């Protein structure tokens, strides 16, 4: 089983890739967090809560498993029919 520290770089890279064209301020407003939280997520310093992971997954139309590296399948077709 992976521990949180193993998931940080994977989440950071994937979240950064998903949000490359969005400013930290925009993301902070969208997810109702501080710009520093967005920066910490992108820099692999912290991870969002499970509730926030769910919000990110829904908004970005990806799976939580993909966000944290438990799956290479970015989208679950059943979720987005």
PDB file of N, CA and C in Angstrom:
ATOM      1  N   UNK A   1       0.847  -1.177   0.000  1.00  0.00           N
ATOM      2  CA  UNK A   1       0.000   0.000   0.000  1.00  0.00           C
ATOM      3  C   UNK A   1       0.892   1.241   0.000  1.00  0.00           C
ATOM      4  N   UNK A   2       0.523   2.212  -0.803  1.00  0.00           N
ATOM      5  CA  UNK A   2       1.281   3.462  -0.856  1.00  0.00           C
ATOM      6  C   UNK A   2       0.943   4.343   0.326  1.00  0.00           C
ATOM      7  N   UNK A   3       1.955   5.046   0.814  1.00  0.00           N
ATOM      8  CA  UNK A   3       1.710   6.001   1.882  1.00  0.00           C
ATOM      9  C   UNK A   3       1.642   7.405   1.299  1.00  0.00           C
ATOM     10  N   UNK A   4       1.138   8.318   2.091  1.00  0.00           N
ATOM     11  CA  UNK A   4       0.865   9.668   1.603  1.00  0.00           C
ATOM     12  C   UNK A   4       2.081  10.310   0.935  1.00  0.00           C
ATOM     13  N   UNK A   5       3.277  10.131   1.498  1.00  0.00           N
ATOM     14  CA  UNK A   5       4.457  10.767   0.913  1.00  0.00           C
ATOM     15  C   UNK A   5       4.750  10.240  -0.484  1.00  0.00           C
ATOM     16  N   UNK A   6       4.357   9.001  -0.775  1.00  0.00           N
ATOM     17  CA  UNK A   6       4.529   8.450  -2.120  1.00  0.00           C
ATOM     18  C   UNK A   6       3.545   9.069  -3.109  1.00  0.00           C
ATOM     19  N   UNK A   7       2.408   9.506  -2.613  1.00  0.00           N
ATOM     20  CA  UNK A   7       1.368  10.054  -3.473  1.00  0.00           C
ATOM     21  C   UNK A   7       1.592  11.520  -3.811  1.00  0.00           C
ATOM     22  N   UNK A   8       2.317  12.238  -2.967  1.00  0.00           N
ATOM     23  CA  UNK A   8       2.512  13.679  -3.165  1.00  0.00           C
ATOM     24  C   UNK A   8       3.081  14.034  -4.534  1.00  0.00           C
ATOM     25  N   UNK A   9       4.190  13.423  -4.965  1.00  0.00           N
ATOM     26  CA  UNK A   9       4.733  13.827  -6.275  1.00  0.00           C
ATOM     27  C   UNK A   9       3.815  13.469  -7.442  1.00  0.00           C
ATOM     28  N   UNK A  10       3.100  12.374  -7.314  1.00  0.00           N
ATOM     29  CA  UNK A  10       2.177  11.967  -8.380  1.00  0.00           C
ATOM     30  C   UNK A  10       1.018  12.946  -8.461  1.00  0.00           C
ATOM     31  N   UNK A  11       0.400  13.229  -7.305  1.00  0.00           N
ATOM     32  CA  UNK A  11      -0.701  14.181  -7.298  1.00  0.00           C
ATOM     33  C   UNK A  11      -0.234  15.536  -7.818  1.00  0.00           C
ATOM     34  N   UNK A  12       0.902  15.988  -7.336  1.00  0.00           N
ATOM     35  CA  UNK A  12       1.435  17.294  -7.734  1.00  0.00           C
ATOM     36  C   UNK A  12       1.595  17.397  -9.247  1.00  0.00           C
ATOM     37  N   UNK A  13       2.193  16.396  -9.843  1.00  0.00           N
ATOM     38  CA  UNK A  13       2.413  16.405 -11.293  1.00  0.00           C
ATOM     39  C   UNK A  13       1.094  16.375 -12.050  1.00  0.00           C
ATOM     40  N   UNK A  14       0.179  15.532 -11.617  1.00  0.00           N
ATOM     41  CA  UNK A  14      -1.089  15.397 -12.340  1.00  0.00           C
ATOM     42  C   UNK A  14      -1.994  16.617 -12.142  1.00  0.00           C
ATOM     43  N   UNK A  15      -2.038  17.149 -10.948  1.00  0.00           N
ATOM     44  CA  UNK A  15      -2.832  18.358 -10.711  1.00  0.00           C
ATOM     45  C   UNK A  15      -2.255  19.522 -11.522  1.00  0.00           C
ATOM     46  N   UNK A  16      -0.949  19.640 -11.530  1.00  0.00           N
ATOM     47  CA  UNK A  16      -0.299  20.707 -12.309  1.00  0.00           C
ATOM     48  C   UNK A  16      -0.604  20.565 -13.787  1.00  0.00           C
ATOM     49  N   UNK A  17      -0.573  19.341 -14.279  1.00  0.00           N
ATOM     50  CA  UNK A  17      -0.869  19.104 -15.698  1.00  0.00           C
ATOM     51  C   UNK A  17      -2.316  19.491 -16.019  1.00  0.00           C
ATOM     52  N   UNK A  18      -3.235  19.138 -15.151  1.00  0.00           N
ATOM     53  CA  UNK A  18      -4.657  19.454 -15.384  1.00  0.00           C
ATOM     54  C   UNK A  18      -4.938  20.952 -15.367  1.00  0.00           C
ATOM     55  N   UNK A  19      -4.177  21.667 -14.582  1.00  0.00           N
ATOM     56  CA  UNK A  19      -4.494  23.075 -14.337  1.00  0.00           C
ATOM     57  C   UNK A  19      -3.443  24.015 -14.915  1.00  0.00           C
ATOM     58  N   UNK A  20      -2.686  23.560 -15.875  1.00  0.00           N
ATOM     59  CA  UNK A  20      -1.562  24.336 -16.409  1.00  0.00           C
ATOM     60  C   UNK A  20      -1.980  25.699 -16.953  1.00  0.00           C
ATOM     61  N   UNK A  21      -3.161  25.807 -17.494  1.00  0.00           N
ATOM     62  CA  UNK A  21      -3.611  27.069 -18.088  1.00  0.00           C
ATOM     63  C   UNK A  21      -4.438  27.934 -17.139  1.00  0.00           C
ATOM     64  N   UNK A  22      -4.456  27.579 -15.860  1.00  0.00           N
ATOM     65  CA  UNK A  22      -5.233  28.340 -14.883  1.00  0.00           C
ATOM     66  C   UNK A  22      -4.302  28.983 -13.871  1.00  0.00           C
ATOM     67  N   UNK A  23      -4.616  30.205 -13.483  1.00  0.00           N
ATOM     68  CA  UNK A  23      -3.823  30.923 -12.485  1.00  0.00           C
ATOM     69  C   UNK A  23      -4.171  30.417 -11.093  1.00  0.00           C
ATOM     70  N   UNK A  24      -3.201  30.540 -10.187  1.00  0.00           N
ATOM     71  CA  UNK A  24      -3.420  30.115  -8.800  1.00  0.00           C
ATOM     72  C   UNK A  24      -4.644  30.805  -8.203  1.00  0.00           C
ATOM     73  N   UNK A  25      -4.804  32.084  -8.499  1.00  0.00           N
ATOM     74  CA  UNK A  25      -5.943  32.846  -7.958  1.00  0.00           C
ATOM     75  C   UNK A  25      -7.267  32.251  -8.438  1.00  0.00           C
ATOM     76  N   UNK A  26      -7.338  31.904  -9.731  1.00  0.00           N
ATOM     77  CA  UNK A  26      -8.562  31.304 -10.276  1.00  0.00           C
ATOM     78  C   UNK A  26      -8.871  29.978  -9.592  1.00  0.00           C
ATOM     79  N   UNK A  27      -7.843  29.153  -9.430  1.00  0.00           N
ATOM     80  CA  UNK A  27      -8.028  27.847  -8.797  1.00  0.00           C
ATOM     81  C   UNK A  27      -8.432  28.003  -7.333  1.00  0.00           C
ATOM     82  N   UNK A  28      -7.823  28.958  -6.661  1.00  0.00           N
ATOM     83  CA  UNK A  28      -8.159  29.192  -5.257  1.00  0.00           C
ATOM     84  C   UNK A  28      -9.628  29.567  -5.105  1.00  0.00           C
ATOM     85  N   UNK A  29     -10.111  30.419  -5.989  1.00  0.00           N
ATOM     86  CA  UNK A  29     -11.525  30.791  -5.955  1.00  0.00           C
ATOM     87  C   UNK A  29     -12.418  29.607  -6.300  1.00  0.00           C
ATOM     88  N   UNK A  30     -12.027  28.860  -7.307  1.00  0.00           N
ATOM     89  CA  UNK A  30     -12.812  27.706  -7.736  1.00  0.00           C
ATOM     90  C   UNK A  30     -12.963  26.671  -6.620  1.00  0.00           C
ATOM     91  N   UNK A  31     -11.856  26.378  -5.939  1.00  0.00           N
ATOM     92  CA  UNK A  31     -11.872  25.333  -4.912  1.00  0.00           C
ATOM     93  C   UNK A  31     -12.042  25.876  -3.496  1.00  0.00           C
ATOM     94  N   UNK A  32     -12.218  27.210  -3.394  1.00  0.00           N
ATOM     95  CA  UNK A  32     -12.444  27.851  -2.100  1.00  0.00           C
ATOM     96  C   UNK A  32     -11.321  27.554  -1.101  1.00  0.00           C
ATOM     97  N   UNK A  33     -10.095  27.726  -1.577  1.00  0.00           N
ATOM     98  CA  UNK A  33      -8.911  27.576  -0.746  1.00  0.00           C
ATOM     99  C   UNK A  33      -8.003  28.771  -1.013  1.00  0.00           C
ATOM    100  N   UNK A  34      -6.915  28.882  -0.284  1.00  0.00           N
ATOM    101  CA  UNK A  34      -5.971  29.981  -0.492  1.00  0.00           C
ATOM    102  C   UNK A  34      -5.066  29.697  -1.699  1.00  0.00           C
ATOM    103  N   UNK A  35      -4.497  30.744  -2.229  1.00  0.00           N
ATOM    104  CA  UNK A  35      -3.533  30.580  -3.321  1.00  0.00           C
ATOM    105  C   UNK A  35      -2.323  29.788  -2.851  1.00  0.00           C
ATOM    106  N   UNK A  36      -1.969  29.945  -1.576  1.00  0.00           N
ATOM    107  CA  UNK A  36      -0.830  29.183  -1.058  1.00  0.00           C
ATOM    108  C   UNK A  36      -1.144  27.691  -0.996  1.00  0.00           C
ATOM    109  N   UNK A  37      -2.404  27.325  -0.762  1.00  0.00           N
ATOM    110  CA  UNK A  37      -2.778  25.905  -0.793  1.00  0.00           C
ATOM    111  C   UNK A  37      -2.579  25.345  -2.199  1.00  0.00           C
ATOM    112  N   UNK A  38      -2.996  26.108  -3.206  1.00  0.00           N
ATOM    113  CA  UNK A  38      -2.803  25.689  -4.596  1.00  0.00           C
ATOM    114  C   UNK A  38      -1.317  25.529  -4.882  1.00  0.00           C
ATOM    115  N   UNK A  39      -0.528  26.485  -4.467  1.00  0.00           N
ATOM    116  CA  UNK A  39       0.920  26.430  -4.663  1.00  0.00           C
ATOM    117  C   UNK A  39       1.519  25.196  -3.987  1.00  0.00           C
ATOM    118  N   UNK A  40       1.089  24.921  -2.762  1.00  0.00           N
ATOM    119  CA  UNK A  40       1.584  23.746  -2.041  1.00  0.00           C
ATOM    120  C   UNK A  40       1.205  22.453  -2.746  1.00  0.00           C
ATOM    121  N   UNK A  41       0.004  22.388  -3.292  1.00  0.00           N
ATOM    122  CA  UNK A  41      -0.410  21.195  -4.034  1.00  0.00           C
ATOM    123  C   UNK A  41       0.451  21.019  -5.270  1.00  0.00           C
ATOM    124  N   UNK A  42       0.660  22.108  -6.009  1.00  0.00           N
ATOM    125  CA  UNK A  42       1.431  22.031  -7.250  1.00  0.00           C
ATOM    126  C   UNK A  42       2.911  21.742  -7.001  1.00  0.00           C
ATOM    127  N   UNK A  43       3.428  22.191  -5.854  1.00  0.00           N
ATOM    128  CA  UNK A  43       4.837  21.986  -5.527  1.00  0.00           C
ATOM    129  C   UNK A  43       5.093  20.713  -4.728  1.00  0.00           C
ATOM    130  N   UNK A  44       4.043  19.935  -4.491  1.00  0.00           N
ATOM    131  CA  UNK A  44       4.205  18.662  -3.792  1.00  0.00           C
ATOM    132  C   UNK A  44       4.503  18.779  -2.311  1.00  0.00           C
ATOM    133  N   UNK A  45       4.104  19.893  -1.705  1.00  0.00           N
ATOM    134  CA  UNK A  45       4.330  20.083  -0.272  1.00  0.00           C
ATOM    135  C   UNK A  45       3.198  19.498   0.565  1.00  0.00           C
ATOM    136  N   UNK A  46       1.977  19.611   0.066  1.00  0.00           N
ATOM    137  CA  UNK A  46       0.808  19.065   0.768  1.00  0.00           C
ATOM    138  C   UNK A  46      -0.156  18.481  -0.253  1.00  0.00           C
ATOM    139  N   UNK A  47      -1.098  17.710   0.278  1.00  0.00           N
ATOM    140  CA  UNK A  47      -2.170  17.170  -0.548  1.00  0.00           C
ATOM    141  C   UNK A  47      -3.498  17.680  -0.018  1.00  0.00           C
ATOM    142  N   UNK A  48      -4.473  17.810  -0.899  1.00  0.00           N
ATOM    143  CA  UNK A  48      -5.803  18.208  -0.429  1.00  0.00           C
ATOM    144  C   UNK A  48      -6.468  17.072   0.349  1.00  0.00           C
ATOM    145  N   UNK A  49      -7.492  17.429   1.082  1.00  0.00           N
ATOM    146  CA  UNK A  49      -8.280  16.432   1.811  1.00  0.00           C
ATOM    147  C   UNK A  49      -9.004  15.524   0.812  1.00  0.00           C
ATOM    148  N   UNK A  50      -9.522  14.436   1.302  1.00  0.00           N
ATOM    149  CA  UNK A  50     -10.271  13.514   0.428  1.00  0.00           C
ATOM    150  C   UNK A  50     -11.490  14.222  -0.159  1.00  0.00           C
ATOM    151  N   UNK A  51     -12.129  15.084   0.620  1.00  0.00           N
ATOM    152  CA  UNK A  51     -13.274  15.843   0.100  1.00  0.00           C
ATOM    153  C   UNK A  51     -12.843  16.749  -1.050  1.00  0.00           C
ATOM    154  N   UNK A  52     -11.701  17.389  -0.903  1.00  0.00           N
ATOM    155  CA  UNK A  52     -11.206  18.272  -1.958  1.00  0.00           C
ATOM    156  C   UNK A  52     -10.751  17.461  -3.167  1.00  0.00           C
ATOM    157  N   UNK A  53     -10.143  16.295  -2.940  1.00  0.00           N
ATOM    158  CA  UNK A  53      -9.774  15.425  -4.069  1.00  0.00           C
ATOM    159  C   UNK A  53     -11.018  15.088  -4.885  1.00  0.00           C
ATOM    160  N   UNK A  54     -12.119  14.806  -4.191  1.00  0.00           N
ATOM    161  CA  UNK A  54     -13.369  14.498  -4.883  1.00  0.00           C
ATOM    162  C   UNK A  54     -13.818  15.703  -5.708  1.00  0.00           C
ATOM    163  N   UNK A  55     -13.762  16.900  -5.117  1.00  0.00           N
ATOM    164  CA  UNK A  55     -14.160  18.110  -5.851  1.00  0.00           C
ATOM    165  C   UNK A  55     -13.289  18.322  -7.090  1.00  0.00           C
ATOM    166  N   UNK A  56     -11.989  18.145  -6.935  1.00  0.00           N
ATOM    167  CA  UNK A  56     -11.073  18.307  -8.068  1.00  0.00           C
ATOM    168  C   UNK A  56     -11.398  17.289  -9.151  1.00  0.00           C
ATOM    169  N   UNK A  57     -11.597  16.041  -8.752  1.00  0.00           N
ATOM    170  CA  UNK A  57     -11.891  14.982  -9.713  1.00  0.00           C
ATOM    171  C   UNK A  57     -13.177  15.267 -10.484  1.00  0.00           C
ATOM    172  N   UNK A  58     -14.198  15.709  -9.782  1.00  0.00           N
ATOM    173  CA  UNK A  58     -15.471  16.008 -10.445  1.00  0.00           C
ATOM    174  C   UNK A  58     -15.322  17.191 -11.397  1.00  0.00           C
ATOM    175  N   UNK A  59     -14.712  18.262 -10.928  1.00  0.00           N
ATOM    176  CA  UNK A  59     -14.579  19.451 -11.765  1.00  0.00           C
ATOM    177  C   UNK A  59     -13.704  19.196 -12.989  1.00  0.00           C
ATOM    178  N   UNK A  60     -12.600  18.480 -12.798  1.00  0.00           N
ATOM    179  CA  UNK A  60     -11.658  18.231 -13.892  1.00  0.00           C
ATOM    180  C   UNK A  60     -12.025  16.985 -14.713  1.00  0.00           C
ATOM    181  N   UNK A  61     -13.086  16.292 -14.282  1.00  0.00           N
ATOM    182  CA  UNK A  61     -13.580  15.092 -14.969  1.00  0.00           C
ATOM    183  C   UNK A  61     -12.518  14.005 -15.097  1.00  0.00           C
ATOM    184  N   UNK A  62     -11.882  13.716 -13.954  1.00  0.00           N
ATOM    185  CA  UNK A  62     -10.921  12.622 -13.853  1.00  0.00           C
ATOM    186  C   UNK A  62     -11.281  11.814 -12.608  1.00  0.00           C
ATOM    187  N   UNK A  63     -10.628  10.689 -12.429  1.00  0.00           N
ATOM    188  CA  UNK A  63     -10.889   9.890 -11.233  1.00  0.00           C
ATOM    189  C   UNK A  63      -9.900  10.250 -10.134  1.00  0.00           C
ATOM    190  N   UNK A  64     -10.321  10.044  -8.896  1.00  0.00           N
ATOM    191  CA  UNK A  64      -9.411  10.240  -7.762  1.00  0.00           C
ATOM    192  C   UNK A  64      -8.254   9.255  -7.878  1.00  0.00           C
ATOM    193  N   UNK A  65      -8.538   8.019  -8.270  1.00  0.00           N
ATOM    194  CA  UNK A  65      -7.473   7.030  -8.426  1.00  0.00           C
ATOM    195  C   UNK A  65      -6.396   7.524  -9.376  1.00  0.00           C
ATOM    196  N   UNK A  66      -6.787   8.162 -10.468  1.00  0.00           N
ATOM    197  CA  UNK A  66      -5.797   8.697 -11.403  1.00  0.00           C
ATOM    198  C   UNK A  66      -5.037   9.857 -10.762  1.00  0.00           C
ATOM    199  N   UNK A  67      -5.756  10.753 -10.076  1.00  0.00           N
ATOM    200  CA  UNK A  67      -5.109  11.911  -9.450  1.00  0.00           C
ATOM    201  C   UNK A  67      -3.990  11.517  -8.498  1.00  0.00           C
ATOM    202  N   UNK A  68      -4.184  10.418  -7.757  1.00  0.00           N
ATOM    203  CA  UNK A  68      -3.182  10.030  -6.759  1.00  0.00           C
ATOM    204  C   UNK A  68      -2.312   8.870  -7.219  1.00  0.00           C
ATOM    205  N   UNK A  69      -2.438   8.485  -8.479  1.00  0.00           N
ATOM    206  CA  UNK A  69      -1.532   7.495  -9.044  1.00  0.00           C
ATOM    207  C   UNK A  69      -1.893   6.044  -8.805  1.00  0.00           C
ATOM    208  N   UNK A  70      -3.115   5.769  -8.400  1.00  0.00           N
ATOM    209  CA  UNK A  70      -3.532   4.383  -8.210  1.00  0.00           C
ATOM    210  C   UNK A  70      -4.028   3.753  -9.501  1.00  0.00           C
ATOM    211  N   UNK A  71      -4.196   4.577 -10.524  1.00  0.00           N
ATOM    212  CA  UNK A  71      -4.656   4.101 -11.825  1.00  0.00           C
ATOM    213  C   UNK A  71      -4.035   4.975 -12.912  1.00  0.00           C
ATOM    214  N   UNK A  72      -3.820   4.370 -14.064  1.00  0.00           N
ATOM    215  CA  UNK A  72      -3.355   5.141 -15.220  1.00  0.00           C
ATOM    216  C   UNK A  72      -4.524   5.575 -16.099  1.00  0.00           C
ATOM    217  N   UNK A  73      -5.737   5.125 -15.749  1.00  0.00           N
ATOM    218  CA  UNK A  73      -6.929   5.532 -16.486  1.00  0.00           C
ATOM    219  C   UNK A  73      -7.411   6.866 -15.946  1.00  0.00           C
ATOM    220  N   UNK A  74      -7.269   7.877 -16.773  1.00  0.00           N
ATOM    221  CA  UNK A  74      -7.604   9.238 -16.359  1.00  0.00           C
ATOM    222  C   UNK A  74      -9.099   9.411 -16.102  1.00  0.00           C
ATOM    223  N   UNK A  75      -9.903   8.794 -16.923  1.00  0.00           N
ATOM    224  CA  UNK A  75     -11.354   8.967 -16.818  1.00  0.00           C
ATOM    225  C   UNK A  75     -12.032   7.615 -16.662  1.00  0.00           C
ATOM    226  N   UNK A  76     -13.046   7.593 -15.853  1.00  0.00           N
ATOM    227  CA  UNK A  76     -13.878   6.419 -15.706  1.00  0.00           C
ATOM    228  C   UNK A  76     -15.125   6.696 -16.533  1.00  0.00           C
ATOM    229  N   UNK A  77     -15.231   6.022 -17.651  1.00  0.00           N
ATOM    230  CA  UNK A  77     -16.331   6.297 -18.581  1.00  0.00           C
ATOM    231  C   UNK A  77     -17.704   6.149 -17.946  1.00  0.00           C
ATOM    232  N   UNK A  78     -17.843   5.285 -16.962  1.00  0.00           N
ATOM    233  CA  UNK A  78     -19.135   5.107 -16.326  1.00  0.00           C
ATOM    234  C   UNK A  78     -19.556   6.328 -15.512  1.00  0.00           C
ATOM    235  N   UNK A  79     -18.573   7.061 -14.994  1.00  0.00           N
ATOM    236  CA  UNK A  79     -18.899   8.227 -14.180  1.00  0.00           C
ATOM    237  C   UNK A  79     -19.386   9.406 -14.999  1.00  0.00           C
ATOM    238  N   UNK A  80     -18.994   9.469 -16.259  1.00  0.00           N
ATOM    239  CA  UNK A  80     -19.237  10.674 -17.035  1.00  0.00           C
ATOM    240  C   UNK A  80     -20.125  10.437 -18.249  1.00  0.00           C
ATOM    241  N   UNK A  81     -21.037   9.503 -18.124  1.00  0.00           N
ATOM    242  CA  UNK A  81     -21.965   9.238 -19.229  1.00  0.00           C
ATOM    243  C   UNK A  81     -23.002  10.329 -19.326  1.00  0.00           C
TER     244      UNK A  81
END
